PDB file of N, CA and C in Angstrom:
ATOM      1  N   MET A   1      -2.823 -41.299 164.619  1.00  0.00           N
ATOM      2  CA  MET A   1      -1.717 -41.942 163.942  1.00  0.00           C
ATOM      3  C   MET A   1      -0.865 -42.652 165.010  1.00  0.00           C
ATOM      4  N   PRO A   2      -0.654 -43.950 164.843  1.00  0.00           N
ATOM      5  CA  PRO A   2       0.137 -44.701 165.824  1.00  0.00           C
ATOM      6  C   PRO A   2       1.592 -44.222 165.869  1.00  0.00           C
ATOM      7  N   ILE A   3       2.206 -44.429 167.015  1.00  0.00           N
ATOM      8  CA  ILE A   3       3.587 -43.994 167.222  1.00  0.00           C
ATOM      9  C   ILE A   3       4.547 -44.706 166.277  1.00  0.00           C
ATOM     10  N   SER A   4       4.233 -45.940 165.903  1.00  0.00           N
ATOM     11  CA  SER A   4       5.116 -46.660 164.977  1.00  0.00           C
ATOM     12  C   SER A   4       5.104 -46.016 163.595  1.00  0.00           C
ATOM     13  N   ILE A   5       3.960 -45.493 163.177  1.00  0.00           N
ATOM     14  CA  ILE A   5       3.870 -44.801 161.885  1.00  0.00           C
ATOM     15  C   ILE A   5       4.624 -43.481 161.951  1.00  0.00           C
ATOM     16  N   VAL A   6       4.478 -42.762 163.065  1.00  0.00           N
ATOM     17  CA  VAL A   6       5.210 -41.500 163.241  1.00  0.00           C
ATOM     18  C   VAL A   6       6.714 -41.759 163.240  1.00  0.00           C
ATOM     19  N   ALA A   7       7.142 -42.815 163.938  1.00  0.00           N
ATOM     20  CA  ALA A   7       8.570 -43.153 163.976  1.00  0.00           C
ATOM     21  C   ALA A   7       9.079 -43.523 162.590  1.00  0.00           C
ATOM     22  N   PHE A   8       8.287 -44.290 161.846  1.00  0.00           N
ATOM     23  CA  PHE A   8       8.718 -44.652 160.503  1.00  0.00           C
ATOM     24  C   PHE A   8       8.810 -43.434 159.600  1.00  0.00           C
ATOM     25  N   LEU A   9       7.801 -42.563 159.640  1.00  0.00           N
ATOM     26  CA  LEU A   9       7.831 -41.375 158.785  1.00  0.00           C
ATOM     27  C   LEU A   9       9.016 -40.476 159.136  1.00  0.00           C
ATOM     28  N   THR A  10       9.335 -40.368 160.419  1.00  0.00           N
ATOM     29  CA  THR A  10      10.515 -39.596 160.827  1.00  0.00           C
ATOM     30  C   THR A  10      11.782 -40.221 160.265  1.00  0.00           C
ATOM     31  N   TYR A  11      11.895 -41.547 160.405  1.00  0.00           N
ATOM     32  CA  TYR A  11      13.052 -42.263 159.858  1.00  0.00           C
ATOM     33  C   TYR A  11      13.153 -42.083 158.344  1.00  0.00           C
ATOM     34  N   ALA A  12      12.024 -42.238 157.645  1.00  0.00           N
ATOM     35  CA  ALA A  12      12.038 -42.159 156.181  1.00  0.00           C
ATOM     36  C   ALA A  12      12.386 -40.748 155.704  1.00  0.00           C
ATOM     37  N   LEU A  13      11.868 -39.729 156.377  1.00  0.00           N
ATOM     38  CA  LEU A  13      12.193 -38.358 155.982  1.00  0.00           C
ATOM     39  C   LEU A  13      13.655 -38.027 156.270  1.00  0.00           C
ATOM     40  N   LEU A  14      14.197 -38.535 157.382  1.00  0.00           N
ATOM     41  CA  LEU A  14      15.631 -38.339 157.661  1.00  0.00           C
ATOM     42  C   LEU A  14      16.491 -39.085 156.649  1.00  0.00           C
ATOM     43  N   LEU A  15      16.075 -40.279 156.262  1.00  0.00           N
ATOM     44  CA  LEU A  15      16.790 -41.029 155.229  1.00  0.00           C
ATOM     45  C   LEU A  15      16.768 -40.277 153.912  1.00  0.00           C
ATOM     46  N   LEU A  16      15.614 -39.743 153.550  1.00  0.00           N
ATOM     47  CA  LEU A  16      15.491 -38.976 152.318  1.00  0.00           C
ATOM     48  C   LEU A  16      16.359 -37.718 152.353  1.00  0.00           C
ATOM     49  N   ALA A  17      16.399 -37.052 153.498  1.00  0.00           N
ATOM     50  CA  ALA A  17      17.251 -35.865 153.632  1.00  0.00           C
ATOM     51  C   ALA A  17      18.730 -36.236 153.517  1.00  0.00           C
ATOM     52  N   GLY A  18      19.116 -37.349 154.142  1.00  0.00           N
ATOM     53  CA  GLY A  18      20.505 -37.793 154.043  1.00  0.00           C
ATOM     54  C   GLY A  18      20.901 -38.160 152.623  1.00  0.00           C
ATOM     55  N   LEU A  19      19.991 -38.826 151.929  1.00  0.00           N
ATOM     56  CA  LEU A  19      20.267 -39.169 150.530  1.00  0.00           C
ATOM     57  C   LEU A  19      20.379 -37.910 149.674  1.00  0.00           C
ATOM     58  N   GLY A  20      19.532 -36.932 149.951  1.00  0.00           N
ATOM     59  CA  GLY A  20      19.589 -35.684 149.195  1.00  0.00           C
ATOM     60  C   GLY A  20      20.858 -34.900 149.454  1.00  0.00           C
ATOM     61  N   LEU A  21      21.328 -34.912 150.703  1.00  0.00           N
ATOM     62  CA  LEU A  21      22.552 -34.187 151.032  1.00  0.00           C
ATOM     63  C   LEU A  21      23.791 -34.809 150.395  1.00  0.00           C
ATOM     64  N   THR A  22      23.787 -36.096 150.208  1.00  0.00           N
ATOM     65  CA  THR A  22      24.943 -36.769 149.613  1.00  0.00           C
ATOM     66  C   THR A  22      24.827 -36.886 148.100  1.00  0.00           C
ATOM     67  N   LEU A  23      23.790 -36.330 147.531  1.00  0.00           N
ATOM     68  CA  LEU A  23      23.566 -36.443 146.092  1.00  0.00           C
ATOM     69  C   LEU A  23      24.598 -35.673 145.270  1.00  0.00           C
ATOM     70  N   GLY A  24      25.233 -34.667 145.849  1.00  0.00           N
ATOM     71  CA  GLY A  24      26.242 -33.903 145.116  1.00  0.00           C
ATOM     72  C   GLY A  24      27.389 -34.761 144.630  1.00  0.00           C
ATOM     73  N   ARG A  25      27.821 -35.686 145.472  1.00  0.00           N
ATOM     74  CA  ARG A  25      28.906 -36.594 145.080  1.00  0.00           C
ATOM     75  C   ARG A  25      28.489 -37.507 143.938  1.00  0.00           C
ATOM     76  N   ILE A  26      27.243 -37.913 143.941  1.00  0.00           N
ATOM     77  CA  ILE A  26      26.733 -38.773 142.870  1.00  0.00           C
ATOM     78  C   ILE A  26      26.696 -38.001 141.556  1.00  0.00           C
ATOM     79  N   VAL A  27      26.289 -36.738 141.618  1.00  0.00           N
ATOM     80  CA  VAL A  27      26.235 -35.913 140.410  1.00  0.00           C
ATOM     81  C   VAL A  27      27.646 -35.673 139.869  1.00  0.00           C
ATOM     82  N   GLU A  28      28.623 -35.488 140.752  1.00  0.00           N
ATOM     83  CA  GLU A  28      30.017 -35.334 140.310  1.00  0.00           C
ATOM     84  C   GLU A  28      30.508 -36.581 139.589  1.00  0.00           C
ATOM     85  N   GLN A  29      30.117 -37.744 140.080  1.00  0.00           N
ATOM     86  CA  GLN A  29      30.510 -38.987 139.419  1.00  0.00           C
ATOM     87  C   GLN A  29      29.855 -39.112 138.046  1.00  0.00           C
ATOM     88  N   ALA A  30      28.691 -38.532 137.903  1.00  0.00           N
ATOM     89  CA  ALA A  30      27.973 -38.631 136.635  1.00  0.00           C
ATOM     90  C   ALA A  30      28.659 -37.846 135.522  1.00  0.00           C
ATOM     91  N   THR A  31      29.518 -36.901 135.862  1.00  0.00           N
ATOM     92  CA  THR A  31      30.254 -36.182 134.826  1.00  0.00           C
ATOM     93  C   THR A  31      31.324 -37.068 134.203  1.00  0.00           C
ATOM     94  N   ASN A  32      31.843 -38.027 134.967  1.00  0.00           N
ATOM     95  CA  ASN A  32      32.868 -38.936 134.457  1.00  0.00           C
ATOM     96  C   ASN A  32      32.262 -40.134 133.719  1.00  0.00           C
ATOM     97  N   ALA A  33      31.206 -40.677 134.273  1.00  0.00           N
ATOM     98  CA  ALA A  33      30.540 -41.841 133.675  1.00  0.00           C
ATOM     99  C   ALA A  33      29.036 -41.618 133.789  1.00  0.00           C
ATOM    100  N   PRO A  34      28.298 -41.820 132.725  1.00  0.00           N
ATOM    101  CA  PRO A  34      26.867 -41.537 132.784  1.00  0.00           C
ATOM    102  C   PRO A  34      26.087 -42.450 133.730  1.00  0.00           C
ATOM    103  N   ILE A  35      26.528 -43.692 133.879  1.00  0.00           N
ATOM    104  CA  ILE A  35      25.833 -44.628 134.757  1.00  0.00           C
ATOM    105  C   ILE A  35      26.860 -45.263 135.693  1.00  0.00           C
ATOM    106  N   THR A  36      26.620 -45.116 137.001  1.00  0.00           N
ATOM    107  CA  THR A  36      27.473 -45.753 137.997  1.00  0.00           C
ATOM    108  C   THR A  36      26.586 -46.586 138.919  1.00  0.00           C
ATOM    109  N   LEU A  37      27.157 -47.598 139.517  1.00  0.00           N
ATOM    110  CA  LEU A  37      26.394 -48.453 140.423  1.00  0.00           C
ATOM    111  C   LEU A  37      25.885 -47.648 141.617  1.00  0.00           C
ATOM    112  N   GLN A  38      26.731 -46.791 142.154  1.00  0.00           N
ATOM    113  CA  GLN A  38      26.320 -45.986 143.292  1.00  0.00           C
ATOM    114  C   GLN A  38      25.181 -45.035 142.913  1.00  0.00           C
ATOM    115  N   GLY A  39      25.220 -44.471 141.723  1.00  0.00           N
ATOM    116  CA  GLY A  39      24.148 -43.596 141.267  1.00  0.00           C
ATOM    117  C   GLY A  39      22.832 -44.323 141.096  1.00  0.00           C
ATOM    118  N   VAL A  40      22.899 -45.529 140.563  1.00  0.00           N
ATOM    119  CA  VAL A  40      21.683 -46.323 140.380  1.00  0.00           C
ATOM    120  C   VAL A  40      21.088 -46.694 141.737  1.00  0.00           C
ATOM    121  N   VAL A  41      21.938 -47.082 142.679  1.00  0.00           N
ATOM    122  CA  VAL A  41      21.456 -47.449 144.014  1.00  0.00           C
ATOM    123  C   VAL A  41      20.839 -46.233 144.701  1.00  0.00           C
ATOM    124  N   TRP A  42      21.492 -45.075 144.596  1.00  0.00           N
ATOM    125  CA  TRP A  42      20.977 -43.852 145.236  1.00  0.00           C
ATOM    126  C   TRP A  42      19.621 -43.475 144.653  1.00  0.00           C
ATOM    127  N   MET A  43      19.488 -43.521 143.335  1.00  0.00           N
ATOM    128  CA  MET A  43      18.214 -43.162 142.709  1.00  0.00           C
ATOM    129  C   MET A  43      17.123 -44.158 143.094  1.00  0.00           C
ATOM    130  N   ALA A  44      17.460 -45.440 143.184  1.00  0.00           N
ATOM    131  CA  ALA A  44      16.477 -46.443 143.592  1.00  0.00           C
ATOM    132  C   ALA A  44      16.038 -46.218 145.041  1.00  0.00           C
ATOM    133  N   LEU A  45      16.994 -45.878 145.921  1.00  0.00           N
ATOM    134  CA  LEU A  45      16.644 -45.599 147.313  1.00  0.00           C
ATOM    135  C   LEU A  45      15.765 -44.365 147.436  1.00  0.00           C
ATOM    136  N   ILE A  46      16.084 -43.322 146.684  1.00  0.00           N
ATOM    137  CA  ILE A  46      15.271 -42.106 146.726  1.00  0.00           C
ATOM    138  C   ILE A  46      13.859 -42.402 146.230  1.00  0.00           C
ATOM    139  N   ALA A  47      13.746 -43.132 145.121  1.00  0.00           N
ATOM    140  CA  ALA A  47      12.429 -43.463 144.577  1.00  0.00           C
ATOM    141  C   ALA A  47      11.633 -44.336 145.547  1.00  0.00           C
ATOM    142  N   ALA A  48      12.270 -45.339 146.131  1.00  0.00           N
ATOM    143  CA  ALA A  48      11.586 -46.215 147.080  1.00  0.00           C
ATOM    144  C   ALA A  48      11.145 -45.450 148.319  1.00  0.00           C
ATOM    145  N   CYS A  49      11.981 -44.549 148.767  1.00  0.00           N
ATOM    146  CA  CYS A  49      11.665 -43.764 149.959  1.00  0.00           C
ATOM    147  C   CYS A  49      10.460 -42.850 149.709  1.00  0.00           C
ATOM    148  N   ILE A  50      10.471 -42.141 148.597  1.00  0.00           N
ATOM    149  CA  ILE A  50       9.355 -41.249 148.275  1.00  0.00           C
ATOM    150  C   ILE A  50       8.069 -42.051 148.069  1.00  0.00           C
ATOM    151  N   PHE A  51       8.158 -43.168 147.366  1.00  0.00           N
ATOM    152  CA  PHE A  51       6.982 -44.004 147.113  1.00  0.00           C
ATOM    153  C   PHE A  51       6.403 -44.543 148.416  1.00  0.00           C
ATOM    154  N   THR A  52       7.271 -45.007 149.320  1.00  0.00           N
ATOM    155  CA  THR A  52       6.811 -45.562 150.587  1.00  0.00           C
ATOM    156  C   THR A  52       6.184 -44.492 151.465  1.00  0.00           C
ATOM    157  N   ILE A  53       6.806 -43.320 151.537  1.00  0.00           N
ATOM    158  CA  ILE A  53       6.234 -42.227 152.324  1.00  0.00           C
ATOM    159  C   ILE A  53       4.847 -41.872 151.795  1.00  0.00           C
ATOM    160  N   THR A  54       4.710 -41.816 150.486  1.00  0.00           N
ATOM    161  CA  THR A  54       3.417 -41.488 149.878  1.00  0.00           C
ATOM    162  C   THR A  54       2.361 -42.526 150.238  1.00  0.00           C
ATOM    163  N   LEU A  55       2.705 -43.812 150.152  1.00  0.00           N
ATOM    164  CA  LEU A  55       1.743 -44.862 150.489  1.00  0.00           C
ATOM    165  C   LEU A  55       1.339 -44.819 151.956  1.00  0.00           C
ATOM    166  N   VAL A  56       2.297 -44.571 152.840  1.00  0.00           N
ATOM    167  CA  VAL A  56       1.999 -44.557 154.271  1.00  0.00           C
ATOM    168  C   VAL A  56       1.132 -43.344 154.624  1.00  0.00           C
ATOM    169  N   ILE A  57       1.419 -42.194 154.043  1.00  0.00           N
ATOM    170  CA  ILE A  57       0.607 -41.014 154.316  1.00  0.00           C
ATOM    171  C   ILE A  57      -0.827 -41.213 153.803  1.00  0.00           C
ATOM    172  N   GLN A  58      -0.983 -41.913 152.686  1.00  0.00           N
ATOM    173  CA  GLN A  58      -2.315 -42.188 152.143  1.00  0.00           C
ATOM    174  C   GLN A  58      -3.023 -43.338 152.856  1.00  0.00           C
ATOM    175  N   ARG A  59      -2.375 -43.933 153.839  1.00  0.00           N
ATOM    176  CA  ARG A  59      -2.922 -45.022 154.648  1.00  0.00           C
ATOM    177  C   ARG A  59      -3.212 -46.275 153.831  1.00  0.00           C
ATOM    178  N   LYS A  60      -2.418 -46.526 152.811  1.00  0.00           N
ATOM    179  CA  LYS A  60      -2.595 -47.706 151.962  1.00  0.00           C
ATOM    180  C   LYS A  60      -2.013 -48.941 152.651  1.00  0.00           C
ATOM    181  N   GLY A  61      -2.674 -50.061 152.497  1.00  0.00           N
ATOM    182  CA  GLY A  61      -2.208 -51.304 153.097  1.00  0.00           C
ATOM    183  C   GLY A  61      -0.876 -51.770 152.533  1.00  0.00           C
ATOM    184  N   ALA A  62      -0.635 -51.495 151.261  1.00  0.00           N
ATOM    185  CA  ALA A  62       0.634 -51.893 150.647  1.00  0.00           C
ATOM    186  C   ALA A  62       1.806 -51.102 151.232  1.00  0.00           C
ATOM    187  N   GLY A  63       1.528 -49.946 151.798  1.00  0.00           N
ATOM    188  CA  GLY A  63       2.582 -49.133 152.391  1.00  0.00           C
ATOM    189  C   GLY A  63       3.252 -49.816 153.563  1.00  0.00           C
ATOM    190  N   ARG A  64       2.511 -50.695 154.246  1.00  0.00           N
ATOM    191  CA  ARG A  64       3.078 -51.409 155.385  1.00  0.00           C
ATOM    192  C   ARG A  64       4.225 -52.320 154.963  1.00  0.00           C
ATOM    193  N   GLY A  65       4.031 -53.054 153.891  1.00  0.00           N
ATOM    194  CA  GLY A  65       5.092 -53.935 153.393  1.00  0.00           C
ATOM    195  C   GLY A  65       6.290 -53.152 152.899  1.00  0.00           C
ATOM    196  N   PHE A  66       6.020 -52.065 152.183  1.00  0.00           N
ATOM    197  CA  PHE A  66       7.121 -51.233 151.712  1.00  0.00           C
ATOM    198  C   PHE A  66       7.856 -50.586 152.889  1.00  0.00           C
ATOM    199  N   ALA A  67       7.119 -50.183 153.923  1.00  0.00           N
ATOM    200  CA  ALA A  67       7.740 -49.563 155.093  1.00  0.00           C
ATOM    201  C   ALA A  67       8.633 -50.559 155.829  1.00  0.00           C
ATOM    202  N   ILE A  68       8.174 -51.785 155.949  1.00  0.00           N
ATOM    203  CA  ILE A  68       9.004 -52.815 156.587  1.00  0.00           C
ATOM    204  C   ILE A  68      10.256 -53.051 155.756  1.00  0.00           C
ATOM    205  N   GLY A  69      10.097 -53.096 154.432  1.00  0.00           N
ATOM    206  CA  GLY A  69      11.254 -53.287 153.558  1.00  0.00           C
ATOM    207  C   GLY A  69      12.244 -52.142 153.651  1.00  0.00           C
ATOM    208  N   LEU A  70      11.749 -50.918 153.730  1.00  0.00           N
ATOM    209  CA  LEU A  70      12.644 -49.765 153.839  1.00  0.00           C
ATOM    210  C   LEU A  70      13.330 -49.731 155.200  1.00  0.00           C
ATOM    211  N   SER A  71      12.677 -50.264 156.221  1.00  0.00           N
ATOM    212  CA  SER A  71      13.285 -50.306 157.551  1.00  0.00           C
ATOM    213  C   SER A  71      14.416 -51.323 157.636  1.00  0.00           C
ATOM    214  N   THR A  72      14.373 -52.346 156.794  1.00  0.00           N
ATOM    215  CA  THR A  72      15.411 -53.370 156.852  1.00  0.00           C
ATOM    216  C   THR A  72      16.751 -52.885 156.305  1.00  0.00           C
ATOM    217  N   ILE A  73      16.775 -51.714 155.703  1.00  0.00           N
ATOM    218  CA  ILE A  73      18.040 -51.158 155.204  1.00  0.00           C
ATOM    219  C   ILE A  73      19.020 -50.948 156.350  1.00  0.00           C
ATOM    220  N   LEU A  74      18.499 -50.687 157.544  1.00  0.00           N
ATOM    221  CA  LEU A  74      19.367 -50.415 158.690  1.00  0.00           C
ATOM    222  C   LEU A  74      20.068 -51.659 159.222  1.00  0.00           C
ATOM    223  N   ILE A  75      19.538 -52.838 158.943  1.00  0.00           N
ATOM    224  CA  ILE A  75      20.133 -54.054 159.519  1.00  0.00           C
ATOM    225  C   ILE A  75      21.556 -54.285 159.015  1.00  0.00           C
ATOM    226  N   PRO A  76      21.845 -54.235 157.705  1.00  0.00           N
ATOM    227  CA  PRO A  76      23.241 -54.389 157.292  1.00  0.00           C
ATOM    228  C   PRO A  76      24.100 -53.164 157.585  1.00  0.00           C
ATOM    229  N   ALA A  77      23.462 -52.017 157.865  1.00  0.00           N
ATOM    230  CA  ALA A  77      24.246 -50.822 158.186  1.00  0.00           C
ATOM    231  C   ALA A  77      24.977 -50.977 159.516  1.00  0.00           C
ATOM    232  N   GLY A  78      24.378 -51.705 160.450  1.00  0.00           N
ATOM    233  CA  GLY A  78      25.015 -51.901 161.758  1.00  0.00           C
ATOM    234  C   GLY A  78      26.370 -52.586 161.675  1.00  0.00           C
ATOM    235  N   PRO A  79      26.450 -53.764 161.057  1.00  0.00           N
ATOM    236  CA  PRO A  79      27.761 -54.402 160.936  1.00  0.00           C
ATOM    237  C   PRO A  79      28.755 -53.588 160.099  1.00  0.00           C
ATOM    238  N   LEU A  80      28.270 -52.880 159.084  1.00  0.00           N
ATOM    239  CA  LEU A  80      29.184 -52.043 158.296  1.00  0.00           C
ATOM    240  C   LEU A  80      29.783 -50.928 159.146  1.00  0.00           C
ATOM    241  N   ILE A  81      28.967 -50.311 159.984  1.00  0.00           N
ATOM    242  CA  ILE A  81      29.476 -49.278 160.880  1.00  0.00           C
ATOM    243  C   ILE A  81      30.457 -49.881 161.869  1.00  0.00           C
ATOM    244  N   ALA A  82      30.120 -51.040 162.418  1.00  0.00           N
ATOM    245  CA  ALA A  82      30.996 -51.697 163.384  1.00  0.00           C
ATOM    246  C   ALA A  82      32.336 -52.071 162.757  1.00  0.00           C
ATOM    247  N   LEU A  83      32.306 -52.587 161.533  1.00  0.00           N
ATOM    248  CA  LEU A  83      33.559 -52.960 160.880  1.00  0.00           C
ATOM    249  C   LEU A  83      34.383 -51.732 160.494  1.00  0.00           C
ATOM    250  N   THR A  84      33.716 -50.674 160.093  1.00  0.00           N
ATOM    251  CA  THR A  84      34.434 -49.458 159.704  1.00  0.00           C
ATOM    252  C   THR A  84      35.126 -48.820 160.894  1.00  0.00           C
ATOM    253  N   LEU A  85      34.425 -48.754 162.026  1.00  0.00           N
ATOM    254  CA  LEU A  85      34.994 -48.097 163.203  1.00  0.00           C
ATOM    255  C   LEU A  85      35.834 -49.034 164.064  1.00  0.00           C
ATOM    256  N   GLY A  86      35.760 -50.320 163.809  1.00  0.00           N
ATOM    257  CA  GLY A  86      36.562 -51.278 164.571  1.00  0.00           C
ATOM    258  C   GLY A  86      36.016 -51.554 165.955  1.00  0.00           C
ATOM    259  N   ASN A  87      34.761 -51.224 166.199  1.00  0.00           N
ATOM    260  CA  ASN A  87      34.133 -51.446 167.490  1.00  0.00           C
ATOM    261  C   ASN A  87      32.688 -51.851 167.237  1.00  0.00           C
ATOM    262  N   TRP A  88      32.180 -52.823 167.964  1.00  0.00           N
ATOM    263  CA  TRP A  88      30.831 -53.320 167.711  1.00  0.00           C
ATOM    264  C   TRP A  88      29.757 -52.425 168.297  1.00  0.00           C
ATOM    265  N   LEU A  89      30.093 -51.600 169.286  1.00  0.00           N
ATOM    266  CA  LEU A  89      29.090 -50.796 169.982  1.00  0.00           C
ATOM    267  C   LEU A  89      28.395 -49.759 169.092  1.00  0.00           C
ATOM    268  N   PRO A  90      29.098 -49.017 168.223  1.00  0.00           N
ATOM    269  CA  PRO A  90      28.376 -48.057 167.370  1.00  0.00           C
ATOM    270  C   PRO A  90      27.460 -48.711 166.342  1.00  0.00           C
ATOM    271  N   GLY A  91      27.614 -49.994 166.091  1.00  0.00           N
ATOM    272  CA  GLY A  91      26.761 -50.680 165.132  1.00  0.00           C
ATOM    273  C   GLY A  91      25.434 -51.145 165.713  1.00  0.00           C
ATOM    274  N   LEU A  92      25.291 -51.098 167.036  1.00  0.00           N
ATOM    275  CA  LEU A  92      24.051 -51.570 167.657  1.00  0.00           C
ATOM    276  C   LEU A  92      22.841 -50.654 167.452  1.00  0.00           C
ATOM    277  N   PRO A  93      22.958 -49.324 167.572  1.00  0.00           N
ATOM    278  CA  PRO A  93      21.758 -48.479 167.430  1.00  0.00           C
ATOM    279  C   PRO A  93      21.020 -48.633 166.103  1.00  0.00           C
ATOM    280  N   PRO A  94      21.687 -48.720 164.942  1.00  0.00           N
ATOM    281  CA  PRO A  94      20.905 -48.928 163.716  1.00  0.00           C
ATOM    282  C   PRO A  94      20.152 -50.255 163.698  1.00  0.00           C
ATOM    283  N   ILE A  95      20.770 -51.296 164.234  1.00  0.00           N
ATOM    284  CA  ILE A  95      20.098 -52.599 164.257  1.00  0.00           C
ATOM    285  C   ILE A  95      18.898 -52.558 165.196  1.00  0.00           C
ATOM    286  N   LEU A  96      19.069 -51.952 166.368  1.00  0.00           N
ATOM    287  CA  LEU A  96      17.964 -51.854 167.313  1.00  0.00           C
ATOM    288  C   LEU A  96      16.829 -50.994 166.754  1.00  0.00           C
ATOM    289  N   LEU A  97      17.173 -49.889 166.096  1.00  0.00           N
ATOM    290  CA  LEU A  97      16.158 -49.041 165.488  1.00  0.00           C
ATOM    291  C   LEU A  97      15.386 -49.809 164.418  1.00  0.00           C
ATOM    292  N   ALA A  98      16.093 -50.574 163.595  1.00  0.00           N
ATOM    293  CA  ALA A  98      15.432 -51.366 162.552  1.00  0.00           C
ATOM    294  C   ALA A  98      14.486 -52.381 163.169  1.00  0.00           C
ATOM    295  N   LEU A  99      14.931 -53.064 164.203  1.00  0.00           N
ATOM    296  CA  LEU A  99      14.080 -54.073 164.839  1.00  0.00           C
ATOM    297  C   LEU A  99      12.853 -53.444 165.491  1.00  0.00           C
ATOM    298  N   LEU A 100      13.026 -52.275 166.121  1.00  0.00           N
ATOM    299  CA  LEU A 100      11.881 -51.590 166.716  1.00  0.00           C
ATOM    300  C   LEU A 100      10.895 -51.105 165.656  1.00  0.00           C
ATOM    301  N   LEU A 101      11.411 -50.570 164.552  1.00  0.00           N
ATOM    302  CA  LEU A 101      10.527 -50.125 163.476  1.00  0.00           C
ATOM    303  C   LEU A 101       9.746 -51.295 162.890  1.00  0.00           C
ATOM    304  N   ILE A 102      10.434 -52.398 162.639  1.00  0.00           N
ATOM    305  CA  ILE A 102       9.775 -53.573 162.060  1.00  0.00           C
ATOM    306  C   ILE A 102       8.722 -54.118 163.018  1.00  0.00           C
ATOM    307  N   ARG A 103       9.059 -54.183 164.305  1.00  0.00           N
ATOM    308  CA  ARG A 103       8.091 -54.691 165.293  1.00  0.00           C
ATOM    309  C   ARG A 103       6.870 -53.782 165.370  1.00  0.00           C
ATOM    310  N   GLY A 104       7.105 -52.472 165.365  1.00  0.00           N
ATOM    311  CA  GLY A 104       5.982 -51.547 165.427  1.00  0.00           C
ATOM    312  C   GLY A 104       5.109 -51.594 164.194  1.00  0.00           C
ATOM    313  N   LEU A 105       5.727 -51.727 163.027  1.00  0.00           N
ATOM    314  CA  LEU A 105       4.962 -51.763 161.784  1.00  0.00           C
ATOM    315  C   LEU A 105       4.188 -53.067 161.614  1.00  0.00           C
ATOM    316  N   ARG A 106       4.624 -54.114 162.278  1.00  0.00           N
ATOM    317  CA  ARG A 106       3.907 -55.392 162.203  1.00  0.00           C
ATOM    318  C   ARG A 106       2.792 -55.478 163.234  1.00  0.00           C
ATOM    319  N   GLY A 107       2.696 -54.473 164.108  1.00  0.00           N
ATOM    320  CA  GLY A 107       1.697 -54.489 165.178  1.00  0.00           C
ATOM    321  C   GLY A 107       0.280 -54.237 164.692  1.00  0.00           C
ATOM    322  N   ALA A 108      -0.656 -54.464 165.602  1.00  0.00           N
ATOM    323  CA  ALA A 108      -2.076 -54.347 165.264  1.00  0.00           C
ATOM    324  C   ALA A 108      -2.477 -52.897 165.002  1.00  0.00           C
ATOM    325  N   ARG A 109      -1.916 -51.946 165.759  1.00  0.00           N
ATOM    326  CA  ARG A 109      -2.311 -50.549 165.569  1.00  0.00           C
ATOM    327  C   ARG A 109      -1.872 -50.032 164.206  1.00  0.00           C
ATOM    328  N   ALA A 110      -0.688 -50.401 163.766  1.00  0.00           N
ATOM    329  CA  ALA A 110      -0.226 -49.985 162.439  1.00  0.00           C
ATOM    330  C   ALA A 110      -1.060 -50.668 161.360  1.00  0.00           C
ATOM    331  N   ARG A 111      -1.421 -51.909 161.569  1.00  0.00           N
ATOM    332  CA  ARG A 111      -2.236 -52.637 160.610  1.00  0.00           C
ATOM    333  C   ARG A 111      -3.630 -52.012 160.494  1.00  0.00           C
ATOM    334  N   GLU A 112      -4.195 -51.598 161.627  1.00  0.00           N
ATOM    335  CA  GLU A 112      -5.504 -50.935 161.598  1.00  0.00           C
ATOM    336  C   GLU A 112      -5.434 -49.594 160.893  1.00  0.00           C
ATOM    337  N   TRP A 113      -4.349 -48.862 161.130  1.00  0.00           N
ATOM    338  CA  TRP A 113      -4.242 -47.523 160.552  1.00  0.00           C
ATOM    339  C   TRP A 113      -4.002 -47.575 159.050  1.00  0.00           C
ATOM    340  N   LEU A 114      -3.222 -48.534 158.599  1.00  0.00           N
ATOM    341  CA  LEU A 114      -2.958 -48.690 157.158  1.00  0.00           C
ATOM    342  C   LEU A 114      -3.994 -49.653 156.579  1.00  0.00           C
ATOM    343  N   ASN A 115      -5.227 -49.189 156.452  1.00  0.00           N
ATOM    344  CA  ASN A 115      -6.318 -50.087 156.081  1.00  0.00           C
ATOM    345  C   ASN A 115      -6.933 -49.799 154.713  1.00  0.00           C
ATOM    346  N   GLU A 116      -6.467 -48.766 154.017  1.00  0.00           N
ATOM    347  CA  GLU A 116      -7.043 -48.440 152.707  1.00  0.00           C
ATOM    348  C   GLU A 116      -6.564 -49.439 151.663  1.00  0.00           C
ATOM    349  N   ILE A 117      -7.388 -49.651 150.660  1.00  0.00           N
ATOM    350  CA  ILE A 117      -7.033 -50.602 149.606  1.00  0.00           C
ATOM    351  C   ILE A 117      -6.452 -49.873 148.426  1.00  0.00           C
TER     352      ILE A 117
END
């Protein structure tokens, strides 16, 4: 298994864990209103994350595109972190991680490994 796939799976599982840990707040909001924008976004992220992890573990070729798409979530997170904290330096690691994940997933070794139809 290429290092880029291992890095992506680590990122995706940490993202899934983070989404699961913050799910309590979403459930609390659901008592006030049955459908909220934040709840819909959280459920879509959880579903996309689980679906992408499943495709990548099964070595499906479509998993590569989904993995690249899931990695791009970090790109807007960088400026949001920078604007929230008032400093540009804490916003750099998410952007760099996203760029490294995307570069690794577009590489030849990841393409060879994700070869199932």
